[in-house]
Every structure is written in structure tokens, then in C-alpha cells.
Amino acid sequence: MAAPPSPSNRKFLGRLSLPERNFVADALRTETVGGIFLLFAAIAALIWANSPLRDSYESVSHFHVGPEFLGLNLSVQHWAADGLLAVFFFVAGIELKRELVAGELRDPKAALLPVAAALCGMAAPALVYTLTNVLGQGSLGGWAVPTATDIAFALAVLAVLGTSLPSALRAFLLTLAVVDDLFAILIIAVFFTDQLNFAALGGAVAGLAVFWVLLRKGVRGWYVYVPLALVIWGLMYNSGVHATIAGVAMGLMLRCHRHEGEAHSPGEHIEHLVRPLSAGLAVPVFALFSAGVAVSGGALGEVFTRPETLGVVLGLVLGKAIGVFGGTWLTARFTRASLSEDLAWPDVLAVSSLAGIGFTVSLLIGELAFADDPTLTAEVKAAVLVGSLIAAVVAGTLLKIRNAKYRALCEAEERDEDLDGIPDIYEQENPAYHLRMAEIYERKAAEHRRLAEVTGGAGVEDRGPA
């Protein structure tokens, strides 16, 4: 099996190692299916909120349930945003931990490109939003709305378009989104925490400490961790810090490196169990109760005239593409990293445009940024939907132009002529592989010689006298 490329000769968007490729394929397969559910949930929300049954949508969204004496008498919409999204951020925390200890971010040189791309991809949209609102005399409170990338929605767009992206491009998008999620979490924790309840926060920290000790002691059993996680989440919610931070913190505590004799680390095992719940239930339900905004010709027109909403659209469509592409190009220009020979910079631009699909976290930040103005909150949500749609169309167009090239690269990555379950491209330095291939070619050559003799004999007989 070919060894993974060393950091000194590593190509940007070059071939992944086989274990990393398999992990990315499994992760993206689940995220793609979840993204399709997310897409359907968003469409269902829009139809429901703009149908004659729109009053029922509002009634269900604002229906309160939960124990009031624990400070958890929340609306269904808040349960989806603060409760179910904690599961999403829990998986994001595990992904980040795995990337830091065993993935693309474990080596500083390899991590430089996606981290720089993610940082520039968040700074540029924030700058575009700020400039738009300074010039238009709008509110600067929504500067963080266009900074997020929704990996599930982006992959759903790829699935709908049928584009066969090479694994390296998909891995770059995944790593970019993981880093993006980390900084989005920091933004939520730092900028959207108003008043702190230090008693509840201290209890949450103590619960996290117990969680960490139990993990290090090797204690097992969902009946231990699930109730503890619920207590930590409840305390974090009542502390004033956004409750999804609890999910991230617990995800980061899981061990994601394998001990000797382990087929999977605890983090990998739990992620495998929880990811379908996150992608298939938590995020789609959040979308169902967050994406339902009234859409009309006048409302869509206001998206492009009001500075707050225009800033969100321009941030997602232009800011993200410019930021991710510019950060990647500058890092490659001034470091030793170089683009893979199989790909071109327009491919990076296409993925950069795809990063402008900022659905889940953008909707969440929009709710937090304009919590005191329900009308503006709804308009910003509409802007997120419009901006994400435009970014998807632009990215889809760019990807379609290069689809034939992608298909050829994917076929080369998947080819397994010796049928041993390992793609041939990963066995070029394995002598046993070449011996197997030699036997296969010898058998094929012998069969062709036999057919040639049979065909030649028939030709001689045909030329004989009638």
C-alpha cells in the first residue's frame, strides 16, 4: 500500500491517504443524505409558512413545552435551535478533535491552507457586510451572519447536481467547514453572550469535569453519559452561554486516537452512532422551524434594498468566494504548498463559491443577532436563503463546467482491477500488486491468443474452395 505523502512533498488537493479517504467517504456519505433531508425540510418550511396553514406554523413554532422550574420552558423553535443543534455541534466537536489528532489539521503545515482559507472565508464576508451597512447606514449587528458554511447543505447541493467531486476536493470542503464551525462557535460564545449566571456556569463546568474524568477512567454506558450530558446542557443554557457550546465541549473531550488493538477510537465509534441522528433529525428539524419565512415579490425585493439583508447576500455570495479563494491562493503563493497537477484554480473557486451556502449556523446567528427585532430576523433569514441559493447556483455552474474532468479523476481513484478491495492508485509501490496484475494480464493475453487462433482458423477455412 502506498504511504501517505509526507508534509515536505505534500500537494494541496493532492491524493489522500487511504484511511483518510475512507473516513472522508463515510462521513460525507452520511452528511450528503442528511443534507438532502435538510433541503426537503427547508422547502417544507417555506411551503408551510407561505400556505393557508401559515398560522398553524406560527402556533407550532411558538408552542412552549418543558419544565419551567428548571428554566427550560421553551418554544418548539428554541428547543430545535438550542437543544437539537447541540447534537449537531457535538458531532462538530468530535470532527474537530479527530482532525486535530489524526486528520488534516494534525500537522501545522498541512493545516495552514484550510485554516487560512476558513479564516479569510469568515473575515471577508464580515467585511463585505460591514461595508454595505456603513454605506447604507444599516445595523452592524449582523456582521457574523454570512460568515458560516453549512457542510450538509453544500453536500446536498452536490448530491442533487450529481457532481462527482474528487475525494481531495471533498476533504478540503469538509476540513474547511470543520474549522469554520470552530470559529462560528467562538463567535457565538464571545459575541452573543449577554448576561452570565455564574452559578449555572460553574455547575456546567463541574459537569464537564465529571464527564472528562469518567471518559479518562474508561467508564462506559449510555445511561451514564446521556443523563449527565442533559444536565450539562441545561446548566449551560441557564448560564447565558449558548447551549450548543456544551455539545462542542463534550465532543472535544472524546478520545479520537486509537490505542493498540482498537479498531475504532471511542470518538470515532460515538460519532458513527450520533452522526445519523445529527444529520438526519437534529439539523432538518431545526431547518423546519427556522427556514419558514414569508416569501413574496415585495419581500424578495426588500432583500436587495435593505442594507442588513443585502449585506448578508453579498457576504455569502461574494465575500465567501473571495475570502476562501483568496486565502487559499495567498497561502499557496507564499508557502511551499502547491496545487495538485490534476486540478486547476477554477476548481478551488468553485468550492469557494460552494462555501457561500451558509444555512444552519447563519440562520442561528441571524436569530441571535436580531433577537429584539422579529421583523428584521425574518428578513435576514430570507436573505440567508436567497444568498445560499445564489451561491449554490454559481458553484453548481462552475462545477458542471469541469464535471467531465472530475468524473475521470473519480474513475481513476475507484479503479480496482485486481479486485482486492483497495483502489489500484494506492498500490503502485506494492510488488505483490504488480505480480497480481501480471497474472491477470497473462490470462487475458492467453485468452486473446486463443481467440486469435480460433478466428484465424475460421478465416482459413472460409477462404477454401466452395
Protein backbone atom coordinates (compact mmCIF):
# COMPACT_ATOMS: atom_id res chain seq x y z
CA MET A 1 0.00 0.00 0.00
CA ALA A 2 1.34 3.42 -0.87
CA ALA A 3 2.43 5.50 2.08
CA PRO A 4 0.70 8.81 2.67
CA PRO A 5 2.56 11.80 1.32
CA SER A 6 4.93 13.46 3.76
CA PRO A 7 4.40 17.11 4.72
CA SER A 8 7.52 18.16 2.80
CA ASN A 9 6.24 16.97 -0.57
CA ARG A 10 2.52 17.27 0.07
CA LYS A 11 0.39 18.69 -2.73
CA PHE A 12 -2.58 20.91 -1.98
CA LEU A 13 -5.70 18.98 -3.04
CA GLY A 14 -3.46 16.00 -3.82
CA ARG A 15 -4.39 12.36 -3.21
CA LEU A 16 -5.40 11.50 0.35
CA SER A 17 -4.02 8.56 2.27
CA LEU A 18 -6.31 5.51 2.07
CA PRO A 19 -7.50 5.61 5.74
CA GLU A 20 -8.26 9.35 5.45
CA ARG A 21 -10.01 8.78 2.13
CA ASN A 22 -12.21 6.05 3.63
CA PHE A 23 -13.08 8.20 6.64
CA VAL A 24 -13.99 11.18 4.44
CA ALA A 25 -16.11 8.96 2.19
CA ASP A 26 -18.07 7.55 5.15
CA ALA A 27 -18.54 10.96 6.77
CA LEU A 28 -19.65 12.66 3.58
CA ARG A 29 -21.99 9.82 2.68
CA THR A 30 -23.94 10.44 5.90
CA GLU A 31 -23.72 14.22 5.57
CA THR A 32 -24.98 14.05 1.97
CA VAL A 33 -28.05 12.03 2.95
CA GLY A 34 -28.63 14.37 5.88
CA GLY A 35 -28.19 17.34 3.57
CA ILE A 36 -30.95 16.04 1.31
CA PHE A 37 -33.21 15.75 4.37
CA LEU A 38 -32.20 19.30 5.27
CA LEU A 39 -33.08 20.50 1.78
CA PHE A 40 -36.52 18.89 1.94
CA ALA A 41 -37.11 20.29 5.45
CA ALA A 42 -36.27 23.82 4.29
CA ILE A 43 -38.61 23.50 1.30
CA ALA A 44 -41.34 22.11 3.56
CA ALA A 45 -40.88 25.04 5.96
CA LEU A 46 -41.17 27.58 3.15
CA ILE A 47 -44.31 25.91 1.76
CA TRP A 48 -45.90 25.62 5.22
CA ALA A 49 -45.11 29.24 6.16
CA ASN A 50 -46.49 30.58 2.87
CA SER A 51 -49.59 28.37 2.61
CA PRO A 52 -53.10 28.93 4.02
CA LEU A 53 -51.86 26.92 7.04
CA ARG A 54 -49.20 29.52 7.95
CA ASP A 55 -50.97 30.33 11.22
CA SER A 56 -50.50 26.73 12.32
CA TYR A 57 -46.77 27.04 11.51
CA GLU A 58 -46.51 30.01 13.86
CA SER A 59 -48.57 28.23 16.51
CA VAL A 60 -46.41 25.10 16.47
CA SER A 61 -43.14 27.08 16.34
CA HIS A 62 -44.07 29.19 19.38
CA PHE A 63 -45.73 26.42 21.41
CA HIS A 64 -43.93 26.21 24.76
CA VAL A 65 -43.07 22.96 26.46
CA GLY A 66 -40.65 21.93 29.20
CA PRO A 67 -40.18 22.28 32.97
CA GLU A 68 -40.48 25.94 33.91
CA PHE A 69 -38.93 25.44 37.39
CA LEU A 70 -35.69 24.40 35.62
CA GLY A 71 -35.78 27.44 33.34
CA LEU A 72 -36.45 25.19 30.36
CA ASN A 73 -40.00 26.14 29.37
CA LEU A 74 -39.00 26.81 25.76
CA SER A 75 -40.80 27.15 22.46
CA VAL A 76 -40.51 24.36 19.91
CA GLN A 77 -38.37 26.66 17.79
CA HIS A 78 -35.98 27.25 20.72
CA TRP A 79 -35.82 23.55 21.53
CA ALA A 80 -34.75 22.96 17.92
CA ALA A 81 -32.16 25.78 17.95
CA ASP A 82 -30.77 25.31 21.45
CA GLY A 83 -31.43 21.62 22.04
CA LEU A 84 -31.22 19.66 18.81
CA LEU A 85 -28.41 21.82 17.42
CA ALA A 86 -26.34 20.85 20.46
CA VAL A 87 -26.23 17.36 18.90
CA PHE A 88 -25.01 18.90 15.63
CA PHE A 89 -22.27 20.82 17.46
CA PHE A 90 -21.38 17.72 19.48
CA VAL A 91 -20.58 15.95 16.21
CA ALA A 92 -18.71 19.08 15.05
CA GLY A 93 -16.63 18.91 18.23
CA ILE A 94 -15.73 15.27 17.57
CA GLU A 95 -14.86 16.10 13.95
CA LEU A 96 -12.61 18.92 15.08
CA LYS A 97 -10.90 16.73 17.68
CA ARG A 98 -10.32 13.99 15.12
CA GLU A 99 -8.92 16.45 12.58
CA LEU A 100 -6.56 17.81 15.25
CA VAL A 101 -5.18 14.43 16.33
CA ALA A 102 -5.50 12.20 13.26
CA GLY A 103 -6.69 14.22 10.29
CA GLU A 104 -5.68 17.10 8.07
CA LEU A 105 -5.11 19.51 10.98
CA ARG A 106 -2.65 17.32 12.91
CA ASP A 107 0.32 18.72 11.00
CA PRO A 108 0.71 22.53 11.14
CA LYS A 109 1.98 22.70 7.56
CA ALA A 110 -0.95 20.67 6.22
CA ALA A 111 -3.41 22.61 8.41
CA LEU A 112 -2.19 26.01 7.23
CA LEU A 113 -4.22 26.03 3.99
CA PRO A 114 -7.67 25.07 5.31
CA VAL A 115 -7.24 27.23 8.42
CA ALA A 116 -6.16 30.25 6.35
CA ALA A 117 -8.98 29.61 3.88
CA ALA A 118 -11.53 29.35 6.70
CA LEU A 119 -10.29 32.50 8.46
CA CYS A 120 -10.26 34.55 5.27
CA GLY A 121 -13.59 32.97 4.33
CA MET A 122 -15.08 34.37 7.56
CA ALA A 123 -13.29 37.73 7.59
CA ALA A 124 -14.20 38.69 4.01
CA PRO A 125 -18.00 38.18 4.38
CA ALA A 126 -17.95 40.09 7.68
CA LEU A 127 -16.08 42.92 5.94
CA VAL A 128 -18.49 42.92 2.99
CA TYR A 129 -21.46 43.06 5.37
CA THR A 130 -19.88 45.87 7.40
CA LEU A 131 -19.03 47.99 4.35
CA THR A 132 -22.53 47.51 2.92
CA ASN A 133 -24.15 48.63 6.15
CA VAL A 134 -21.76 51.53 6.76
CA LEU A 135 -22.53 52.86 3.29
CA GLY A 136 -26.25 52.11 3.62
CA GLN A 137 -26.49 53.29 7.26
CA GLY A 138 -27.78 49.90 8.42
CA SER A 139 -27.22 47.88 11.58
CA LEU A 140 -23.77 46.34 12.09
CA GLY A 141 -25.19 43.73 14.47
CA GLY A 142 -25.47 41.06 11.77
CA TRP A 143 -21.81 41.08 10.70
CA ALA A 144 -21.41 37.42 11.73
CA VAL A 145 -24.45 36.09 9.82
CA PRO A 146 -22.70 35.46 6.45
CA THR A 147 -19.52 34.00 7.98
CA ALA A 148 -20.70 30.38 8.32
CA THR A 149 -20.62 27.46 5.89
CA ASP A 150 -23.22 24.67 6.02
CA ILE A 151 -21.41 21.47 5.01
CA ALA A 152 -24.60 19.35 4.97
CA PHE A 153 -26.43 21.76 2.65
CA ALA A 154 -23.35 22.13 0.43
CA LEU A 155 -23.10 18.36 0.05
CA ALA A 156 -26.83 18.13 -0.59
CA VAL A 157 -26.36 20.53 -3.50
CA LEU A 158 -23.60 18.29 -4.82
CA ALA A 159 -25.84 15.25 -4.49
CA VAL A 160 -28.70 16.95 -6.34
CA LEU A 161 -26.39 18.15 -9.10
CA GLY A 162 -24.82 14.71 -9.41
CA THR A 163 -21.32 16.18 -9.49
CA SER A 164 -18.56 13.66 -8.79
CA LEU A 165 -16.02 15.69 -6.88
CA PRO A 166 -12.64 14.04 -6.28
CA SER A 167 -12.05 13.00 -2.68
CA ALA A 168 -9.37 15.68 -2.19
CA LEU A 169 -11.81 18.47 -3.04
CA ARG A 170 -14.45 16.95 -0.78
CA ALA A 171 -11.92 16.60 2.04
CA PHE A 172 -10.90 20.24 1.63
CA LEU A 173 -14.55 21.30 1.84
CA LEU A 174 -15.08 19.13 4.94
CA THR A 175 -11.94 20.39 6.71
CA LEU A 176 -12.81 23.97 5.78
CA ALA A 177 -16.30 23.55 7.24
CA VAL A 178 -14.92 21.98 10.46
CA VAL A 179 -12.59 24.94 11.03
CA ASP A 180 -15.43 27.28 10.04
CA ASP A 181 -17.66 25.63 12.66
CA LEU A 182 -14.97 26.14 15.32
CA PHE A 183 -14.76 29.89 14.71
CA ALA A 184 -18.55 30.16 14.43
CA ILE A 185 -18.78 28.54 17.86
CA LEU A 186 -16.26 31.06 19.23
CA ILE A 187 -18.26 33.92 17.70
CA ILE A 188 -21.47 32.65 19.34
CA ALA A 189 -19.73 32.20 22.72
CA VAL A 190 -17.95 35.57 22.72
CA PHE A 191 -20.32 37.95 20.93
CA PHE A 192 -23.76 36.55 21.72
CA THR A 193 -23.46 36.02 25.46
CA ASP A 194 -25.09 38.95 27.27
CA GLN A 195 -25.57 38.18 30.95
CA LEU A 196 -23.89 35.33 32.77
CA ASN A 197 -25.36 33.26 35.58
CA PHE A 198 -22.10 32.26 37.24
CA ALA A 199 -23.72 29.63 39.47
CA ALA A 200 -25.18 27.79 36.46
CA LEU A 201 -21.95 28.26 34.50
CA GLY A 202 -19.94 26.85 37.40
CA GLY A 203 -22.29 23.86 37.54
CA ALA A 204 -21.85 23.28 33.79
CA VAL A 205 -18.06 23.43 34.14
CA ALA A 206 -18.22 20.99 37.06
CA GLY A 207 -20.39 18.65 34.97
CA LEU A 208 -17.89 18.83 32.11
CA ALA A 209 -15.11 17.99 34.56
CA VAL A 210 -17.05 14.90 35.72
CA PHE A 211 -17.65 14.00 32.06
CA TRP A 212 -13.90 14.23 31.37
CA VAL A 213 -12.96 12.14 34.45
CA LEU A 214 -15.44 9.39 33.53
CA LEU A 215 -14.02 9.26 29.99
CA ARG A 216 -10.43 9.02 31.28
CA LYS A 217 -11.41 6.28 33.75
CA GLY A 218 -12.87 4.26 30.87
CA VAL A 219 -16.42 4.24 32.27
CA ARG A 220 -18.88 3.02 29.65
CA GLY A 221 -22.65 3.09 29.27
CA TRP A 222 -25.02 5.49 27.60
CA TYR A 223 -27.15 5.50 30.77
CA VAL A 224 -24.27 7.34 32.50
CA TYR A 225 -23.34 9.85 29.82
CA VAL A 226 -26.72 10.78 28.34
CA PRO A 227 -28.27 11.99 31.66
CA LEU A 228 -25.01 13.78 32.51
CA ALA A 229 -24.97 15.44 29.09
CA LEU A 230 -28.56 16.63 29.57
CA VAL A 231 -27.67 18.15 32.96
CA ILE A 232 -24.62 19.91 31.48
CA TRP A 233 -26.72 21.20 28.58
CA GLY A 234 -29.45 22.52 30.92
CA LEU A 235 -26.93 24.30 33.15
CA MET A 236 -25.15 25.79 30.14
CA TYR A 237 -28.45 27.08 28.76
CA ASN A 238 -29.33 28.74 32.07
CA SER A 239 -25.82 30.22 32.38
CA GLY A 240 -26.43 32.62 29.49
CA VAL A 241 -23.83 30.96 27.25
CA HIS A 242 -25.43 29.46 24.16
CA ALA A 243 -26.32 25.85 24.99
CA THR A 244 -24.67 24.44 21.85
CA ILE A 245 -21.28 25.23 23.43
CA ALA A 246 -21.91 22.32 25.81
CA GLY A 247 -22.15 19.95 22.84
CA VAL A 248 -18.88 21.20 21.39
CA ALA A 249 -17.07 20.91 24.72
CA MET A 250 -18.17 17.30 25.24
CA GLY A 251 -17.24 16.40 21.66
CA LEU A 252 -13.74 17.80 22.11
CA MET A 253 -13.22 15.70 25.25
CA LEU A 254 -13.67 12.36 23.49
CA ARG A 255 -10.52 10.41 22.63
CA CYS A 256 -10.12 10.22 18.87
CA HIS A 257 -6.80 8.39 18.58
CA ARG A 258 -6.68 4.60 18.62
CA HIS A 259 -4.91 2.52 21.23
CA GLU A 260 -3.19 -0.70 20.25
CA GLY A 261 -5.69 -3.39 19.31
CA GLU A 262 -8.58 -0.94 18.82
CA ALA A 263 -10.43 -0.98 15.52
CA HIS A 264 -12.00 2.40 16.30
CA SER A 265 -11.37 5.08 18.91
CA PRO A 266 -14.23 6.00 21.28
CA GLY A 267 -14.70 9.28 19.42
CA GLU A 268 -14.99 7.52 16.05
CA HIS A 269 -17.43 4.98 17.48
CA ILE A 270 -19.69 7.59 19.09
CA GLU A 271 -19.53 9.83 16.03
CA HIS A 272 -20.61 6.86 13.89
CA LEU A 273 -23.63 6.39 16.19
CA VAL A 274 -24.61 10.04 16.62
CA ARG A 275 -23.89 11.47 13.16
CA PRO A 276 -27.07 9.97 11.59
CA LEU A 277 -29.10 11.49 14.46
CA SER A 278 -27.47 14.86 13.81
CA ALA A 279 -27.68 14.85 10.02
CA GLY A 280 -30.99 13.01 9.71
CA LEU A 281 -33.00 14.54 12.56
CA ALA A 282 -31.45 17.42 14.51
CA VAL A 283 -30.47 19.70 11.61
CA PRO A 284 -33.58 19.03 9.44
CA VAL A 285 -35.92 19.73 12.38
CA PHE A 286 -34.02 22.94 13.10
CA ALA A 287 -34.43 23.92 9.44
CA LEU A 288 -38.13 23.11 9.55
CA PHE A 289 -38.72 25.61 12.36
CA SER A 290 -36.18 28.24 11.29
CA ALA A 291 -36.48 28.46 7.49
CA GLY A 292 -40.21 29.19 7.45
CA VAL A 293 -40.27 32.84 6.40
CA ALA A 294 -42.93 34.64 4.41
CA VAL A 295 -41.77 34.97 0.81
CA SER A 296 -43.39 37.35 -1.66
CA GLY A 297 -42.30 39.55 -4.52
CA GLY A 298 -42.11 42.56 -2.24
CA ALA A 299 -40.22 40.69 0.48
CA LEU A 300 -37.67 39.37 -2.01
CA GLY A 301 -37.26 42.86 -3.41
CA GLU A 302 -36.51 44.20 0.08
CA VAL A 303 -33.71 41.64 0.43
CA PHE A 304 -31.76 43.57 -2.19
CA THR A 305 -32.67 47.05 -0.95
CA ARG A 306 -32.28 46.92 2.84
CA PRO A 307 -28.59 47.21 3.86
CA GLU A 308 -28.75 44.45 6.51
CA THR A 309 -30.20 41.86 4.15
CA LEU A 310 -28.16 43.00 1.15
CA GLY A 311 -25.02 42.71 3.29
CA VAL A 312 -25.92 39.10 4.13
CA VAL A 313 -26.50 38.18 0.46
CA LEU A 314 -23.31 39.86 -0.75
CA GLY A 315 -21.35 38.39 2.14
CA LEU A 316 -22.42 34.85 1.30
CA VAL A 317 -22.12 35.12 -2.48
CA LEU A 318 -19.10 37.40 -2.94
CA GLY A 319 -17.43 37.53 0.47
CA LYS A 320 -17.19 33.78 0.94
CA ALA A 321 -15.89 33.10 -2.57
CA ILE A 322 -13.33 35.90 -2.43
CA GLY A 323 -12.24 35.06 1.10
CA VAL A 324 -11.81 31.29 0.71
CA PHE A 325 -10.21 31.53 -2.73
CA GLY A 326 -8.01 34.50 -1.79
CA GLY A 327 -6.85 32.91 1.46
CA THR A 328 -6.03 29.66 -0.31
CA TRP A 329 -4.20 31.36 -3.20
CA LEU A 330 -2.17 33.64 -0.91
CA THR A 331 -1.17 30.74 1.34
CA ALA A 332 -0.12 28.64 -1.64
CA ARG A 333 1.67 31.65 -3.17
CA PHE A 334 3.78 32.46 -0.12
CA THR A 335 4.39 28.94 1.27
CA ARG A 336 5.77 25.71 -0.17
CA ALA A 337 2.31 24.30 -0.80
CA SER A 338 1.40 23.76 -4.46
CA LEU A 339 -1.80 22.81 -6.22
CA SER A 340 -2.20 19.21 -7.41
CA GLU A 341 -1.42 18.74 -11.10
CA ASP A 342 -4.84 17.10 -11.62
CA LEU A 343 -6.76 20.21 -10.60
CA ALA A 344 -6.81 23.89 -11.55
CA TRP A 345 -7.54 27.09 -9.65
CA PRO A 346 -11.07 27.33 -11.14
CA ASP A 347 -11.81 24.14 -9.15
CA VAL A 348 -10.80 25.95 -5.96
CA LEU A 349 -13.02 28.88 -6.97
CA ALA A 350 -15.97 26.51 -7.41
CA VAL A 351 -15.50 25.04 -3.92
CA SER A 352 -15.04 28.57 -2.56
CA SER A 353 -18.40 29.54 -4.05
CA LEU A 354 -19.92 26.41 -2.53
CA ALA A 355 -18.74 27.63 0.88
CA GLY A 356 -21.22 30.51 0.47
CA ILE A 357 -24.06 28.13 1.36
CA GLY A 358 -24.39 29.26 4.97
CA PHE A 359 -27.68 27.79 6.06
CA THR A 360 -27.83 26.23 9.54
CA VAL A 361 -25.36 28.33 11.53
CA SER A 362 -26.20 31.50 9.58
CA LEU A 363 -29.88 31.13 10.49
CA LEU A 364 -28.90 30.53 14.12
CA ILE A 365 -26.64 33.61 14.26
CA GLY A 366 -29.33 35.67 12.50
CA GLU A 367 -31.78 34.77 15.27
CA LEU A 368 -29.23 35.71 17.94
CA ALA A 369 -28.09 38.94 16.26
CA PHE A 370 -31.59 40.43 15.83
CA ALA A 371 -33.47 38.72 18.66
CA ASP A 372 -35.12 42.03 19.64
CA ASP A 373 -36.49 42.69 16.14
CA PRO A 374 -38.66 39.80 14.84
CA THR A 375 -39.34 41.55 11.53
CA LEU A 376 -35.66 42.05 10.78
CA THR A 377 -34.94 38.50 11.94
CA ALA A 378 -37.38 37.14 9.35
CA GLU A 379 -35.89 39.37 6.64
CA VAL A 380 -32.35 38.26 7.49
CA LYS A 381 -33.49 34.62 7.31
CA ALA A 382 -34.89 35.30 3.86
CA ALA A 383 -31.55 36.88 2.92
CA VAL A 384 -29.71 33.77 4.12
CA LEU A 385 -31.95 31.59 1.95
CA VAL A 386 -31.53 33.85 -1.10
CA GLY A 387 -27.76 34.17 -0.65
CA SER A 388 -27.31 30.42 -0.15
CA LEU A 389 -29.43 29.72 -3.25
CA ILE A 390 -27.38 32.11 -5.41
CA ALA A 391 -24.12 30.66 -4.09
CA ALA A 392 -25.40 27.13 -4.87
CA VAL A 393 -26.32 28.10 -8.44
CA VAL A 394 -22.96 29.80 -9.07
CA ALA A 395 -21.00 26.89 -7.57
CA GLY A 396 -23.11 24.33 -9.43
CA THR A 397 -22.49 26.10 -12.73
CA LEU A 398 -18.72 26.18 -12.14
CA LEU A 399 -18.66 22.54 -11.09
CA LYS A 400 -20.71 21.41 -14.08
CA ILE A 401 -18.22 23.03 -16.44
CA ARG A 402 -15.49 20.78 -15.05
CA ASN A 403 -17.66 17.72 -14.41
CA ALA A 404 -16.04 15.59 -17.14
CA LYS A 405 -12.63 16.18 -15.56
CA TYR A 406 -13.98 15.28 -12.11
CA ARG A 407 -15.56 12.09 -13.45
CA ALA A 408 -12.24 10.95 -14.94
CA LEU A 409 -10.42 11.64 -11.65
CA CYS A 410 -13.03 9.73 -9.65
CA GLU A 411 -12.84 6.75 -12.01
CA ALA A 412 -9.06 6.68 -11.56
CA GLU A 413 -9.48 6.83 -7.77
CA GLU A 414 -12.02 3.98 -7.74
CA ARG A 415 -10.36 1.60 -10.25
CA ASP A 416 -9.62 -1.80 -8.67
CA GLU A 417 -8.59 -4.18 -11.45
CA ASP A 418 -7.18 -6.85 -9.15
CA LEU A 419 -10.42 -6.85 -7.09
CA ASP A 420 -8.66 -6.84 -3.70
CA GLY A 421 -10.82 -4.05 -2.26
CA ILE A 422 -8.05 -1.43 -2.41
CA PRO A 423 -8.03 1.10 -5.27
CA ASP A 424 -5.12 0.46 -7.62
CA ILE A 425 -3.83 4.00 -7.27
CA TYR A 426 -2.85 3.21 -3.66
CA GLU A 427 -0.85 0.08 -4.59
CA GLN A 428 1.60 1.38 -7.15
CA GLU A 429 4.54 0.76 -4.78
CA ASN A 430 3.39 -2.71 -3.73
CA PRO A 431 5.27 -5.52 -5.57
CA ALA A 432 2.50 -8.05 -4.79
CA TYR A 433 0.01 -5.83 -6.63
CA HIS A 434 2.16 -5.79 -9.77
CA LEU A 435 2.57 -9.59 -9.61
CA ARG A 436 -1.22 -9.99 -9.38
CA MET A 437 -1.70 -7.62 -12.29
CA ALA A 438 0.91 -9.52 -14.32
CA GLU A 439 -1.03 -12.77 -13.77
CA ILE A 440 -4.27 -11.03 -14.80
CA TYR A 441 -2.69 -9.65 -17.98
CA GLU A 442 -1.13 -13.04 -18.81
CA ARG A 443 -4.52 -14.72 -18.52
CA LYS A 444 -6.06 -12.03 -20.70
CA ALA A 445 -3.23 -12.38 -23.24
CA ALA A 446 -3.67 -16.17 -23.34
CA GLU A 447 -7.40 -15.74 -23.93
CA HIS A 448 -6.75 -13.26 -26.76
CA ARG A 449 -4.24 -15.68 -28.36
CA ARG A 450 -6.79 -18.48 -28.19
CA LEU A 451 -9.45 -16.26 -29.77
CA ALA A 452 -6.99 -15.15 -32.44
CA GLU A 453 -6.19 -18.79 -33.29
CA VAL A 454 -9.87 -19.71 -33.44
CA THR A 455 -10.71 -16.66 -35.54
CA GLY A 456 -7.68 -17.20 -37.78
CA GLY A 457 -8.57 -20.87 -38.30
CA ALA A 458 -12.11 -19.95 -39.26
CA GLY A 459 -10.76 -17.40 -41.72
CA VAL A 460 -8.57 -20.01 -43.42
CA GLU A 461 -11.50 -22.41 -43.75
CA ASP A 462 -13.64 -19.61 -45.23
CA ARG A 463 -11.04 -18.99 -47.93
CA GLY A 464 -11.15 -22.66 -49.11
CA PRO A 465 -12.97 -23.88 -52.25
CA ALA A 466 -16.74 -24.00 -52.11
